[in-house]
C-alpha cells in the first residue's frame, strides 16, 4: 500500500521514498537521533527508511515524510507505527535538523491521528517517548496525551507511554 497524501495548514505528509535517503542519513548520523535508535551509519539509516516504507505494506498504515507545503524536502517522519513487539499502535514523530521548535511535530501528529481515527477506525493510540526526550514529551502533552506507565524495549530502553485521547473523549 502506498501512503495517501495528507495536508495541514503548513505541511504536506507524503509517502516516503528513495529521495528521502539523504535526509534520513543526516538525521541518523547525528546524536539527536539517540532517542530513536541512532546514531547509525548511512547503510543502517537506509534500512530504517526501507522499514518505514515496508511498514505500509505489512500493516496497511505507517509514517509519512513531512515536508513544508510547496517543498518536497523531507524535514521529518511522522505517523502511525506498530512493528512486531510494540505494545499497541503508536503515533510517532521525528523531526530533522532545522525543523524543530515550529510546532510541526504537533501539526503533523494531529493529521496522522485524524487519519488513524477517521479513516482506520482507531479509537485511541499511544506515543512512546524516551526518558529524557523532553521536547517529545511536550509534543505529547500538546496533543492532549497523558502519561500511562512505561514500556521497556530491548534496543531503545525504557519509554514512557503517553495515551492519546479517545475518539469523542
Protein backbone atom coordinates (compact mmCIF):
# COMPACT_ATOMS: atom_id res chain seq x y z
CA UNK A 1 0.00 0.00 0.00
CA UNK A 2 1.28 3.47 -0.83
CA UNK A 3 0.67 6.16 1.75
CA UNK A 4 -2.05 8.67 0.95
CA UNK A 5 -1.03 12.32 0.97
CA UNK A 6 -2.26 14.41 3.90
CA UNK A 7 -2.11 18.19 4.15
CA UNK A 8 -2.30 20.66 7.01
CA UNK A 9 -2.13 24.44 7.04
CA UNK A 10 1.66 24.39 6.60
CA UNK A 11 2.69 20.82 5.87
CA UNK A 12 2.34 18.02 3.36
CA UNK A 13 2.67 14.44 4.58
CA UNK A 14 3.58 12.25 1.62
CA UNK A 15 4.83 8.73 1.01
CA UNK A 16 8.44 8.12 1.94
CA UNK A 17 10.73 7.17 -0.92
CA UNK A 18 14.34 6.84 -2.07
CA UNK A 19 14.58 10.63 -2.40
CA UNK A 20 14.48 10.76 1.43
CA UNK A 21 17.59 8.60 1.99
CA UNK A 22 19.93 11.59 2.31
CA UNK A 23 17.71 13.33 4.88
CA UNK A 24 17.42 10.07 6.86
CA UNK A 25 21.20 9.57 6.74
CA UNK A 26 21.84 13.09 8.04
CA UNK A 27 19.32 12.71 10.87
CA UNK A 28 20.51 9.28 11.95
CA UNK A 29 24.19 10.28 11.79
CA UNK A 30 23.55 12.94 14.44
CA UNK A 31 23.36 12.40 18.20
CA UNK A 32 19.84 13.91 18.10
CA UNK A 33 18.68 10.50 16.82
CA UNK A 34 19.77 8.75 20.03
CA UNK A 35 16.18 8.74 21.33
CA UNK A 36 15.00 6.71 18.31
CA UNK A 37 17.77 4.16 17.79
CA UNK A 38 20.61 6.27 16.41
CA UNK A 39 23.19 7.29 15.70
CA UNK A 40 23.73 4.96 12.79
CA UNK A 41 25.66 4.88 9.53
CA UNK A 42 24.20 5.51 6.06
CA UNK A 43 23.58 1.80 5.38
CA UNK A 44 21.67 1.40 8.64
CA UNK A 45 19.63 4.55 8.04
CA UNK A 46 18.78 3.28 4.53
CA UNK A 47 17.50 0.06 6.11
CA UNK A 48 15.48 2.13 8.58
CA UNK A 49 13.93 4.06 5.67
CA UNK A 50 13.16 0.77 3.90
CA UNK A 51 11.48 -0.48 7.08
CA UNK A 52 9.35 2.66 7.25
CA UNK A 53 8.26 2.19 3.64
CA UNK A 54 7.63 -1.55 4.14
CA UNK A 55 5.52 -0.90 7.22
CA UNK A 56 2.76 0.38 4.91
CA UNK A 57 2.73 -2.93 3.03
CA UNK A 58 2.84 -5.07 6.15
CA UNK A 59 0.30 -3.16 8.25
CA UNK A 60 -1.73 -1.00 5.85
CA UNK A 61 -0.58 2.15 7.62
CA UNK A 62 2.69 3.80 8.55
CA UNK A 63 4.62 7.03 8.78
CA UNK A 64 4.90 9.82 6.25
CA UNK A 65 7.66 12.10 5.04
CA UNK A 66 6.88 15.57 6.37
CA UNK A 67 7.54 18.47 4.02
CA UNK A 68 6.74 22.14 4.17
CA UNK A 69 3.95 22.68 1.66
CA UNK A 70 5.46 23.80 -1.62
CA UNK A 71 8.73 21.95 -1.00
CA UNK A 72 9.50 18.27 -1.46
CA UNK A 73 12.39 18.27 1.04
CA UNK A 74 11.82 15.78 3.85
CA UNK A 75 12.07 17.57 7.21
CA UNK A 76 10.86 14.68 9.34
CA UNK A 77 8.97 11.43 9.59
CA UNK A 78 5.62 11.34 11.40
CA UNK A 79 2.78 8.88 11.58
CA UNK A 80 1.50 5.51 12.63
CA UNK A 81 3.76 2.73 13.82
CA UNK A 82 3.11 -0.79 15.10
CA UNK A 83 6.08 -3.07 14.46
CA UNK A 84 6.37 -6.56 15.90
CA UNK A 85 6.90 -6.33 19.65
CA UNK A 86 5.27 -2.92 20.10
CA UNK A 87 2.70 -2.78 22.92
CA UNK A 88 0.00 -1.25 20.66
CA UNK A 89 -0.30 1.11 17.69
CA UNK A 90 1.63 4.33 18.12
CA UNK A 91 1.68 7.83 16.69
CA UNK A 92 5.33 8.83 16.41
CA UNK A 93 7.30 11.85 15.26
CA UNK A 94 10.92 12.54 14.35
CA UNK A 95 11.81 15.98 13.08
CA UNK A 96 15.12 16.62 11.38
CA UNK A 97 17.66 19.42 11.93
CA UNK A 98 16.15 22.86 11.41
CA UNK A 99 12.52 21.72 11.63
CA UNK A 100 12.10 21.71 15.41
CA UNK A 101 10.56 24.45 17.52
CA UNK A 102 7.96 25.42 14.89
CA UNK A 103 5.02 23.29 16.00
CA UNK A 104 5.47 20.94 13.03
CA UNK A 105 5.55 17.76 15.11
CA UNK A 106 2.24 18.61 16.77
CA UNK A 107 0.63 19.67 13.49
CA UNK A 108 1.75 16.55 11.62
CA UNK A 109 0.87 14.22 14.51
CA UNK A 110 -2.63 15.70 14.69
CA UNK A 111 -3.08 14.95 10.97
CA UNK A 112 -1.79 11.40 11.47
CA UNK A 113 -4.08 10.89 14.46
CA UNK A 114 -7.08 12.14 12.49
CA UNK A 115 -6.21 9.64 9.75
CA UNK A 116 -5.95 6.84 12.33
CA UNK A 117 -9.24 7.73 13.98
CA UNK A 118 -11.32 8.86 10.99
CA UNK A 119 -10.02 6.56 8.23
CA UNK A 120 -8.69 3.50 10.03
CA UNK A 121 -11.26 3.49 12.84
CA UNK A 122 -8.83 3.57 15.77
CA UNK A 123 -10.39 4.86 18.98
CA UNK A 124 -7.11 5.58 20.76
CA UNK A 125 -3.35 5.30 20.32
CA UNK A 126 -0.16 5.70 22.28
CA UNK A 127 3.08 7.56 21.77
CA UNK A 128 6.28 6.16 23.23
CA UNK A 129 8.76 8.79 24.43
CA UNK A 130 12.30 8.01 25.55
CA UNK A 131 13.19 9.05 29.08
CA UNK A 132 14.92 12.43 28.82
CA UNK A 133 13.36 13.39 25.48
CA UNK A 134 11.68 16.44 26.96
CA UNK A 135 10.84 18.04 23.60
CA UNK A 136 8.92 14.94 22.52
CA UNK A 137 7.15 14.76 25.89
CA UNK A 138 5.99 18.37 25.36
CA UNK A 139 4.59 17.43 21.95
CA UNK A 140 2.67 14.54 23.54
CA UNK A 141 1.26 16.91 26.16
CA UNK A 142 0.23 19.46 23.49
CA UNK A 143 -1.59 16.62 21.72
CA UNK A 144 -3.65 16.01 24.87
CA UNK A 145 -1.85 12.80 25.80
CA UNK A 146 -1.46 11.63 29.38
CA UNK A 147 1.41 9.53 30.80
CA UNK A 148 0.37 5.94 31.43
CA UNK A 149 3.36 3.99 32.69
CA UNK A 150 6.38 2.67 30.84
CA UNK A 151 7.37 0.10 28.23
CA UNK A 152 10.86 -1.39 28.08
CA UNK A 153 12.17 -2.10 24.61
CA UNK A 154 15.20 -4.37 24.17
CA UNK A 155 17.07 -1.86 21.99
CA UNK A 156 15.55 1.52 22.91
CA UNK A 157 15.34 1.06 26.68
CA UNK A 158 12.60 2.42 28.92
CA UNK A 159 9.99 4.53 27.18
CA UNK A 160 7.14 6.49 28.71
CA UNK A 161 3.73 5.53 27.34
CA UNK A 162 1.58 8.57 26.52
CA UNK A 163 -2.09 7.78 25.88
CA UNK A 164 -3.86 9.81 23.19
CA UNK A 165 -7.40 10.96 23.91
CA UNK A 166 -10.07 8.52 22.83
CA UNK A 167 -12.38 9.43 19.97
CA UNK A 168 -15.05 11.77 21.29
CA UNK A 169 -13.39 11.97 24.65
